[in-house]
Each structure stands twice: as structure tokens, then as C-alpha cells.
C-alpha atoms as a PDB file:
ATOM      1  CA  MET A   1      11.739  12.286  -7.877  1.00  0.00           C
ATOM      2  CA  SER A   2      11.998   8.720  -6.128  1.00  0.00           C
ATOM      3  CA  LYS A   3       9.042   6.140  -6.367  1.00  0.00           C
ATOM      4  CA  THR A   4       8.001   4.483  -3.331  1.00  0.00           C
ATOM      5  CA  VAL A   5       7.447   0.377  -3.610  1.00  0.00           C
ATOM      6  CA  LEU A   6       5.624  -1.848  -1.044  1.00  0.00           C
ATOM      7  CA  ILE A   7       7.306  -5.234  -0.526  1.00  0.00           C
ATOM      8  CA  THR A   8       5.393  -7.671   1.501  1.00  0.00           C
ATOM      9  CA  GLY A   9       7.227 -10.140   3.284  1.00  0.00           C
ATOM     10  CA  ALA A  10      10.707  -8.393   2.953  1.00  0.00           C
ATOM     11  CA  SER A  11      12.073 -10.096   5.799  1.00  0.00           C
ATOM     12  CA  ARG A  12      13.616 -12.840   4.151  1.00  0.00           C
ATOM     13  CA  GLY A  13      14.595 -15.334   1.004  1.00  0.00           C
ATOM     14  CA  ILE A  14      13.320 -13.518  -2.349  1.00  0.00           C
ATOM     15  CA  GLY A  15      11.426 -10.574  -0.808  1.00  0.00           C
ATOM     16  CA  ARG A  16      14.520  -9.355   1.279  1.00  0.00           C
ATOM     17  CA  GLU A  17      16.864  -9.794  -1.682  1.00  0.00           C
ATOM     18  CA  THR A  18      14.027  -7.879  -4.231  1.00  0.00           C
ATOM     19  CA  ALA A  19      14.435  -4.884  -1.056  1.00  0.00           C
ATOM     20  CA  LEU A  20      18.196  -5.026  -1.825  1.00  0.00           C
ATOM     21  CA  TYR A  21      17.870  -4.846  -5.239  1.00  0.00           C
ATOM     22  CA  LEU A  22      15.351  -2.037  -5.513  1.00  0.00           C
ATOM     23  CA  ALA A  23      17.121  -0.282  -3.031  1.00  0.00           C
ATOM     24  CA  GLU A  24      20.418  -0.311  -5.302  1.00  0.00           C
ATOM     25  CA  ASN A  25      18.500   1.200  -7.786  1.00  0.00           C
ATOM     26  CA  GLY A  26      16.962   4.354  -6.256  1.00  0.00           C
ATOM     27  CA  TYR A  27      13.483   2.634  -5.021  1.00  0.00           C
ATOM     28  CA  ASP A  28      12.575   4.216  -1.640  1.00  0.00           C
ATOM     29  CA  LEU A  29      10.768   1.179   0.345  1.00  0.00           C
ATOM     30  CA  VAL A  30       7.700   0.184   2.475  1.00  0.00           C
ATOM     31  CA  LEU A  31       8.926  -3.334   3.712  1.00  0.00           C
ATOM     32  CA  HIS A  32       6.611  -5.451   5.471  1.00  0.00           C
ATOM     33  CA  CYS A  33       6.876  -8.621   7.445  1.00  0.00           C
ATOM     34  CA  ASN A  34       3.583 -10.408   9.828  1.00  0.00           C
ATOM     35  CA  LYS A  35       6.402 -12.021  12.150  1.00  0.00           C
ATOM     36  CA  ASN A  36      10.354 -11.402  11.917  1.00  0.00           C
ATOM     37  CA  LEU A  37      10.034  -7.715  12.621  1.00  0.00           C
ATOM     38  CA  LYS A  38      13.598  -7.677  14.270  1.00  0.00           C
ATOM     39  CA  LYS A  39      15.100  -9.278  10.559  1.00  0.00           C
ATOM     40  CA  LEU A  40      12.931  -6.674   8.786  1.00  0.00           C
ATOM     41  CA  GLU A  41      14.437  -3.651  11.116  1.00  0.00           C
ATOM     42  CA  ASP A  42      18.019  -4.992  10.365  1.00  0.00           C
ATOM     43  CA  LEU A  43      17.087  -5.014   6.647  1.00  0.00           C
ATOM     44  CA  GLN A  44      15.817  -1.595   6.855  1.00  0.00           C
ATOM     45  CA  LYS A  45      19.194  -0.764   8.892  1.00  0.00           C
ATOM     46  CA  GLU A  46      20.921  -1.996   5.753  1.00  0.00           C
ATOM     47  CA  ILE A  47      19.146  -0.220   3.116  1.00  0.00           C
ATOM     48  CA  GLU A  48      19.486   2.802   4.696  1.00  0.00           C
ATOM     49  CA  LYS A  49      23.073   2.993   4.509  1.00  0.00           C
ATOM     50  CA  TYR A  50      22.258   3.606   0.492  1.00  0.00           C
ATOM     51  CA  GLY A  51      20.823   6.947   1.615  1.00  0.00           C
ATOM     52  CA  ILE A  52      17.111   5.058   0.604  1.00  0.00           C
ATOM     53  CA  LYS A  53      14.136   5.930   2.894  1.00  0.00           C
ATOM     54  CA  THR A  54      12.405   2.993   4.110  1.00  0.00           C
ATOM     55  CA  ARG A  55       9.883   2.487   6.744  1.00  0.00           C
ATOM     56  CA  THR A  56       8.686  -0.700   8.167  1.00  0.00           C
ATOM     57  CA  LEU A  57       4.889  -1.834   8.662  1.00  0.00           C
ATOM     58  CA  GLN A  58       3.811  -5.194  10.430  1.00  0.00           C
ATOM     59  CA  PHE A  59       0.606  -7.169   9.739  1.00  0.00           C
ATOM     60  CA  ASP A  60      -0.946 -10.493   8.668  1.00  0.00           C
ATOM     61  CA  ILE A  61      -2.110 -10.253   5.116  1.00  0.00           C
ATOM     62  CA  SER A  62      -4.779 -13.045   6.090  1.00  0.00           C
ATOM     63  CA  LYS A  63      -6.422 -10.301   8.127  1.00  0.00           C
ATOM     64  CA  ARG A  64      -8.219  -7.769   5.937  1.00  0.00           C
ATOM     65  CA  ASP A  65      -9.092  -5.064   8.293  1.00  0.00           C
ATOM     66  CA  ASP A  66      -5.957  -4.912   9.605  1.00  0.00           C
ATOM     67  CA  CYS A  67      -4.287  -4.690   6.268  1.00  0.00           C
ATOM     68  CA  LYS A  68      -7.080  -2.337   5.232  1.00  0.00           C
ATOM     69  CA  THR A  69      -5.896  -0.214   8.386  1.00  0.00           C
ATOM     70  CA  LYS A  70      -2.427  -0.003   8.095  1.00  0.00           C
ATOM     71  CA  LEU A  71      -1.864   0.131   4.461  1.00  0.00           C
ATOM     72  CA  LEU A  72      -4.018   3.193   4.379  1.00  0.00           C
ATOM     73  CA  ASP A  73      -2.892   5.072   7.290  1.00  0.00           C
ATOM     74  CA  ASP A  74       0.459   4.980   5.295  1.00  0.00           C
ATOM     75  CA  ILE A  75      -0.682   6.367   2.079  1.00  0.00           C
ATOM     76  CA  GLU A  76      -2.317   8.844   3.818  1.00  0.00           C
ATOM     77  CA  LYS A  77       0.758  10.077   5.898  1.00  0.00           C
ATOM     78  CA  ASN A  78       3.210   9.209   3.438  1.00  0.00           C
ATOM     79  CA  GLY A  79       1.798   9.510  -0.078  1.00  0.00           C
ATOM     80  CA  ILE A  80       0.655   6.333  -2.581  1.00  0.00           C
ATOM     81  CA  TYR A  81       2.871   3.993  -3.554  1.00  0.00           C
ATOM     82  CA  TYR A  82       4.430   3.749  -7.176  1.00  0.00           C
ATOM     83  CA  GLY A  83       4.855   0.083  -6.995  1.00  0.00           C
ATOM     84  CA  VAL A  84       3.621  -3.286  -4.836  1.00  0.00           C
ATOM     85  CA  VAL A  85       5.284  -6.473  -4.658  1.00  0.00           C
ATOM     86  CA  LEU A  86       3.097  -9.085  -3.309  1.00  0.00           C
ATOM     87  CA  ASN A  87       5.783 -11.845  -2.053  1.00  0.00           C
ATOM     88  CA  ALA A  88       4.700 -12.600   1.402  1.00  0.00           C
ATOM     89  CA  GLY A  89       2.541 -16.398   1.123  1.00  0.00           C
ATOM     90  CA  ILE A  90       3.073 -19.617   2.912  1.00  0.00           C
ATOM     91  CA  ALA A  91       3.217 -23.288   2.689  1.00  0.00           C
ATOM     92  CA  LYS A  92       1.447 -26.242   4.745  1.00  0.00           C
ATOM     93  CA  ASP A  93       2.264 -29.164   2.612  1.00  0.00           C
ATOM     94  CA  ASN A  94       0.578 -32.839   2.557  1.00  0.00           C
ATOM     95  CA  PRO A  95      -1.460 -35.551   0.804  1.00  0.00           C
ATOM     96  CA  PHE A  96      -4.577 -34.462  -0.035  1.00  0.00           C
ATOM     97  CA  PRO A  97      -6.502 -36.958   1.500  1.00  0.00           C
ATOM     98  CA  ALA A  98      -4.580 -36.111   5.119  1.00  0.00           C
ATOM     99  CA  MET A  99      -4.754 -32.556   4.721  1.00  0.00           C
ATOM    100  CA  GLU A 100      -6.383 -30.347   7.607  1.00  0.00           C
ATOM    101  CA  ASP A 101      -8.892 -27.703   7.087  1.00  0.00           C
ATOM    102  CA  GLU A 102      -6.741 -25.200   8.889  1.00  0.00           C
ATOM    103  CA  ASP A 103      -3.817 -26.143   6.322  1.00  0.00           C
ATOM    104  CA  TRP A 104      -6.147 -25.266   3.161  1.00  0.00           C
ATOM    105  CA  ASP A 105      -7.732 -22.337   4.446  1.00  0.00           C
ATOM    106  CA  SER A 106      -4.545 -20.816   6.216  1.00  0.00           C
ATOM    107  CA  VAL A 107      -2.710 -21.042   2.936  1.00  0.00           C
ATOM    108  CA  ILE A 108      -5.823 -19.650   0.887  1.00  0.00           C
ATOM    109  CA  ASN A 109      -6.604 -16.612   3.197  1.00  0.00           C
ATOM    110  CA  THR A 110      -2.684 -16.152   2.915  1.00  0.00           C
ATOM    111  CA  ASN A 111      -1.730 -16.169  -0.317  1.00  0.00           C
ATOM    112  CA  LEU A 112      -4.970 -15.887  -2.402  1.00  0.00           C
ATOM    113  CA  ASN A 113      -7.209 -13.695  -0.086  1.00  0.00           C
ATOM    114  CA  GLY A 114      -3.731 -11.542   0.694  1.00  0.00           C
ATOM    115  CA  PHE A 115      -3.463 -10.688  -2.599  1.00  0.00           C
ATOM    116  CA  TYR A 116      -7.013  -9.031  -2.612  1.00  0.00           C
ATOM    117  CA  ASN A 117      -6.257  -7.641   1.350  1.00  0.00           C
ATOM    118  CA  VAL A 118      -3.459  -5.936   0.017  1.00  0.00           C
ATOM    119  CA  LEU A 119      -4.397  -4.488  -3.055  1.00  0.00           C
ATOM    120  CA  ARG A 120      -7.912  -3.757  -3.055  1.00  0.00           C
ATOM    121  CA  PRO A 121      -7.103  -0.598  -0.522  1.00  0.00           C
ATOM    122  CA  LEU A 122      -4.122   0.552  -2.639  1.00  0.00           C
ATOM    123  CA  ILE A 123      -5.562   0.317  -6.146  1.00  0.00           C
ATOM    124  CA  LEU A 124      -7.836   3.109  -5.814  1.00  0.00           C
ATOM    125  CA  PRO A 125      -4.883   5.699  -4.898  1.00  0.00           C
ATOM    126  CA  MET A 126      -3.158   4.116  -7.850  1.00  0.00           C
ATOM    127  CA  ILE A 127      -5.364   4.264 -10.780  1.00  0.00           C
ATOM    128  CA  GLN A 128      -6.205   7.958  -9.334  1.00  0.00           C
ATOM    129  CA  ASN A 129      -2.347   8.593  -9.576  1.00  0.00           C
ATOM    130  CA  ARG A 130      -2.335   7.153 -13.165  1.00  0.00           C
ATOM    131  CA  CYS A 131       0.540   5.197 -13.403  1.00  0.00           C
ATOM    132  CA  GLY A 132       2.349   2.268 -11.283  1.00  0.00           C
ATOM    133  CA  ARG A 133       3.813  -1.032 -11.248  1.00  0.00           C
ATOM    134  CA  ILE A 134       2.196  -4.439  -9.531  1.00  0.00           C
ATOM    135  CA  VAL A 135       4.127  -8.076  -9.424  1.00  0.00           C
ATOM    136  CA  ALA A 136       2.837 -11.021  -7.709  1.00  0.00           C
ATOM    137  CA  LEU A 137       4.566 -13.856  -7.020  1.00  0.00           C
ATOM    138  CA  SER A 138       2.675 -17.234  -7.886  1.00  0.00           C
ATOM    139  CA  SER A 139       5.048 -20.408  -8.907  1.00  0.00           C
ATOM    140  CA  VAL A 140       5.781 -23.408 -11.045  1.00  0.00           C
ATOM    141  CA  SER A 141       3.597 -24.999  -8.487  1.00  0.00           C
ATOM    142  CA  GLY A 142       0.680 -22.481  -9.953  1.00  0.00           C
ATOM    143  CA  LEU A 143       1.237 -23.515 -13.448  1.00  0.00           C
ATOM    144  CA  THR A 144       1.929 -27.540 -13.147  1.00  0.00           C
ATOM    145  CA  GLY A 145       0.482 -28.306 -10.062  1.00  0.00           C
ATOM    146  CA  ASN A 146       2.881 -30.364  -7.400  1.00  0.00           C
ATOM    147  CA  ARG A 147       1.879 -33.607  -5.265  1.00  0.00           C
ATOM    148  CA  GLY A 148       1.263 -32.701  -1.655  1.00  0.00           C
ATOM    149  CA  GLN A 149       0.193 -28.799  -2.321  1.00  0.00           C
ATOM    150  CA  VAL A 150      -2.896 -28.915  -3.680  1.00  0.00           C
ATOM    151  CA  ASN A 151      -3.583 -26.047  -1.398  1.00  0.00           C
ATOM    152  CA  TYR A 152      -0.519 -23.848  -2.417  1.00  0.00           C
ATOM    153  CA  SER A 153      -1.020 -24.908  -5.961  1.00  0.00           C
ATOM    154  CA  ALA A 154      -4.607 -23.513  -5.731  1.00  0.00           C
ATOM    155  CA  SER A 155      -3.713 -20.306  -4.295  1.00  0.00           C
ATOM    156  CA  LYS A 156      -0.712 -19.727  -6.665  1.00  0.00           C
ATOM    157  CA  ALA A 157      -3.371 -20.860  -9.722  1.00  0.00           C
ATOM    158  CA  GLY A 158      -5.902 -18.569  -8.372  1.00  0.00           C
ATOM    159  CA  ILE A 159      -3.213 -15.541  -8.381  1.00  0.00           C
ATOM    160  CA  ILE A 160      -2.360 -15.897 -11.891  1.00  0.00           C
ATOM    161  CA  GLY A 161      -6.115 -15.691 -13.101  1.00  0.00           C
ATOM    162  CA  ALA A 162      -6.020 -12.653 -10.585  1.00  0.00           C
ATOM    163  CA  VAL A 163      -3.073 -10.802 -12.449  1.00  0.00           C
ATOM    164  CA  LYS A 164      -4.514 -11.513 -15.385  1.00  0.00           C
ATOM    165  CA  ALA A 165      -7.435 -10.262 -14.788  1.00  0.00           C
ATOM    166  CA  LEU A 166      -7.021  -6.974 -13.074  1.00  0.00           C
ATOM    167  CA  SER A 167      -4.040  -6.204 -15.889  1.00  0.00           C
ATOM    168  CA  ARG A 168      -7.030  -5.749 -17.934  1.00  0.00           C
ATOM    169  CA  GLU A 169      -8.875  -3.436 -15.680  1.00  0.00           C
ATOM    170  CA  VAL A 170      -6.262  -1.170 -15.147  1.00  0.00           C
ATOM    171  CA  ALA A 171      -4.144  -0.920 -18.233  1.00  0.00           C
ATOM    172  CA  LYS A 172      -5.563   2.295 -19.448  1.00  0.00           C
ATOM    173  CA  ARG A 173      -4.365   3.908 -16.285  1.00  0.00           C
ATOM    174  CA  LYS A 174      -0.881   3.074 -17.126  1.00  0.00           C
ATOM    175  CA  ILE A 175      -0.534   0.387 -14.226  1.00  0.00           C
ATOM    176  CA  THR A 176       1.027  -2.916 -15.055  1.00  0.00           C
ATOM    177  CA  VAL A 177       0.148  -6.299 -13.248  1.00  0.00           C
ATOM    178  CA  ASN A 178       2.288  -9.045 -13.794  1.00  0.00           C
ATOM    179  CA  CYS A 179       3.198 -12.693 -12.237  1.00  0.00           C
ATOM    180  CA  VAL A 180       6.817 -14.335 -11.660  1.00  0.00           C
ATOM    181  CA  ALA A 181       6.761 -17.900 -10.996  1.00  0.00           C
ATOM    182  CA  PRO A 182       9.684 -18.642  -9.386  1.00  0.00           C
ATOM    183  CA  GLY A 183      11.048 -22.595  -9.896  1.00  0.00           C
ATOM    184  CA  ILE A 184      13.158 -24.151  -7.440  1.00  0.00           C
ATOM    185  CA  ILE A 185      14.730 -21.380  -5.513  1.00  0.00           C
ATOM    186  CA  GLU A 186      17.700 -21.690  -2.877  1.00  0.00           C
ATOM    187  CA  SER A 187      15.968 -21.289   1.052  1.00  0.00           C
ATOM    188  CA  ASP A 188      15.572 -22.742   4.075  1.00  0.00           C
ATOM    189  CA  MET A 189      13.043 -24.952   2.654  1.00  0.00           C
ATOM    190  CA  THR A 190      14.804 -26.012  -0.551  1.00  0.00           C
ATOM    191  CA  ALA A 191      18.126 -26.613   1.407  1.00  0.00           C
ATOM    192  CA  GLU A 192      18.114 -30.466   1.751  1.00  0.00           C
ATOM    193  CA  LEU A 193      16.939 -31.136  -1.910  1.00  0.00           C
ATOM    194  CA  PRO A 194      18.959 -33.984  -3.049  1.00  0.00           C
ATOM    195  CA  GLN A 195      21.273 -32.855  -6.343  1.00  0.00           C
ATOM    196  CA  GLU A 196      19.896 -35.827  -7.940  1.00  0.00           C
ATOM    197  CA  ILE A 197      16.379 -34.233  -8.106  1.00  0.00           C
ATOM    198  CA  ILE A 198      17.091 -30.944  -9.095  1.00  0.00           C
ATOM    199  CA  LYS A 199      19.240 -32.319 -12.149  1.00  0.00           C
ATOM    200  CA  GLU A 200      16.199 -34.990 -12.864  1.00  0.00           C
ATOM    201  CA  TYR A 201      13.868 -31.379 -13.115  1.00  0.00           C
ATOM    202  CA  VAL A 202      15.767 -28.591 -13.758  1.00  0.00           C
ATOM    203  CA  PRO A 203      17.742 -28.518 -17.213  1.00  0.00           C
ATOM    204  CA  LEU A 204      20.412 -26.007 -15.830  1.00  0.00           C
ATOM    205  CA  GLY A 205      20.842 -28.521 -13.249  1.00  0.00           C
ATOM    206  CA  ARG A 206      20.768 -26.293 -10.215  1.00  0.00           C
ATOM    207  CA  MET A 207      18.838 -23.862  -8.034  1.00  0.00           C
ATOM    208  CA  GLY A 208      18.156 -20.019  -8.795  1.00  0.00           C
ATOM    209  CA  SER A 209      19.058 -17.579  -6.578  1.00  0.00           C
ATOM    210  CA  PRO A 210      16.871 -14.713  -4.647  1.00  0.00           C
ATOM    211  CA  LYS A 211      18.649 -12.586  -6.020  1.00  0.00           C
ATOM    212  CA  GLU A 212      17.754 -13.558  -9.862  1.00  0.00           C
ATOM    213  CA  VAL A 213      14.163 -13.313  -9.033  1.00  0.00           C
ATOM    214  CA  ALA A 214      14.870 -10.020  -7.955  1.00  0.00           C
ATOM    215  CA  SER A 215      16.332  -8.949 -10.863  1.00  0.00           C
ATOM    216  CA  LEU A 216      13.336  -9.690 -13.069  1.00  0.00           C
ATOM    217  CA  ILE A 217      10.962  -8.067 -10.414  1.00  0.00           C
ATOM    218  CA  ASN A 218      13.299  -4.852 -10.485  1.00  0.00           C
ATOM    219  CA  TYR A 219      12.813  -4.922 -14.723  1.00  0.00           C
ATOM    220  CA  LEU A 220       9.134  -4.922 -14.335  1.00  0.00           C
ATOM    221  CA  MET A 221       9.192  -2.440 -12.085  1.00  0.00           C
ATOM    222  CA  SER A 222      11.311  -0.260 -14.445  1.00  0.00           C
ATOM    223  CA  GLU A 223       9.572   2.579 -17.004  1.00  0.00           C
ATOM    224  CA  ASP A 224      11.409   0.033 -19.670  1.00  0.00           C
ATOM    225  CA  ALA A 225       8.998  -2.547 -18.770  1.00  0.00           C
ATOM    226  CA  GLY A 226       5.682  -0.201 -19.554  1.00  0.00           C
ATOM    227  CA  TYR A 227       4.678  -2.398 -22.580  1.00  0.00           C
ATOM    228  CA  ILE A 228       4.692  -5.560 -20.373  1.00  0.00           C
ATOM    229  CA  THR A 229       1.461  -6.486 -18.586  1.00  0.00           C
ATOM    230  CA  GLY A 230      -0.627  -9.380 -17.750  1.00  0.00           C
ATOM    231  CA  GLN A 231       2.015 -11.874 -18.277  1.00  0.00           C
ATOM    232  CA  VAL A 232       3.364 -14.598 -15.839  1.00  0.00           C
ATOM    233  CA  ILE A 233       7.370 -14.927 -16.183  1.00  0.00           C
ATOM    234  CA  SER A 234       8.604 -17.954 -15.089  1.00  0.00           C
ATOM    235  CA  VAL A 235      12.189 -18.590 -13.412  1.00  0.00           C
ATOM    236  CA  ASN A 236      12.922 -21.835 -13.137  1.00  0.00           C
ATOM    237  CA  GLY A 237      16.203 -22.965 -14.975  1.00  0.00           C
ATOM    238  CA  GLY A 238      14.029 -24.841 -18.393  1.00  0.00           C
ATOM    239  CA  MET A 239      11.753 -26.559 -16.082  1.00  0.00           C
ATOM    240  CA  TYR A 240       9.172 -28.388 -18.015  1.00  0.00           C
ATOM    241  CA  LEU A 241       5.649 -27.043 -17.694  1.00  0.00           C
END
């Protein structure tokens, strides 16, 4: 029987590669975005060529009522999710003395409150189903902190704490909850990063690819990963933490 996985922030980057990776491994998918619906629909068409069932959801994960309405409506119509990949997030970097209130609030509300807003409607059905996989995306910034990212680092560190606590609550129901913490990964935001910076901070001397993160997420979704829970696994080329 096929298993359905929700991926938030699936229209690009790590979310998109995760969708493709999971589709290749036979998972049915619920693809989420906030704004890039055209990109999401293009991805849906690409995935359906594999014979995979997909559907799309569009909502803002920082809006609690919207999350609850859209997600509960979807599982009522289509069934409980086997897995959830909490990938959606934003960054608004600035030195702390220059940080605007809105930059702090929007990052915390999206990245950290989004963890609650998405999972809260889904966790009881998953508990009743007595199985499941949850993978949340943190960051190297959540482990070490990073200059100019006090808001982002706080949100990603908060996700780590939430994952560790939730994993203990749901373990007896055969639900695993883990955290993936990427380092410097190829994206629009890192495209202009100087090579000397990468070589200074990354022992492997290169950026990671979204596919390398997606492959780990795919493993954590699998039955083979059933004894891994409450963990924070870094994908960072050996960056010193």
C-alpha cells in the first residue's frame, strides 16, 4: 500500500528535490507552497509521470487557523499522512541592533510557530494510526548560531528542541521524529558565496547539493530508519560545530 508524505515548501530547493526523491521511491505526495503555486503545479506534473499520486495545498504556515483548516480538510477527504517533511521556512538577516520587529516576528512565526501550526492538526491522527515519520529541517545556524541571523538561529534551534521533546512523546506509537541540519547548500541564496569562504569553513571544500539532503530525508522516511528518533543529523561537509 502506498504511503503519503506531506512536504511543506516543496516548490524549490531542498523541498523540490525531496519531492522528486520520494516520488522515485514510490511515496504518494502532498506538495505545499505559500506563493509559488505555478512552480508547484509544474513539479506535480513532473512527478505524475512516475505514476505517483500527488496533490497540492497552498497556505501560509505562519497562519494557524489556515493551516488547521486546509490540513484537516485534506486528511478528511484523502486519509492520514504517513510522513511529514517540515521544510518551509524563511530568513531575514540583519545585525541584531538593526533588526526590525517585523523581521524577528515573521521568521519566528514562520519557522518555529510553523512547526506547531502544521503538526498540531496532524499529530493526533498519526498517533491513532500508530505509525509515521516526521522530519523537520533545522540548520547549522540552529546548532552554532550565525552572525546576522539571531532570529533565524533562534527559530532553527527551537525546532531542534521541539523535535527532541516530541520524539519522546510519540515513540510508543511508532512515530519517529528527527531533525536534518543542512550546512551550506546550493541555492539562489548561496550562489554568490565566494569559494574562499566555502573552503575556509567546509572541510570538503564545496557546497552540498539539495539532492544530498533529500537522500537523507528519504532514508529517514523508510522502514529501515525505524530505530532512529530524536536525532539531529547534519549535512554540512564536515563543518566544525
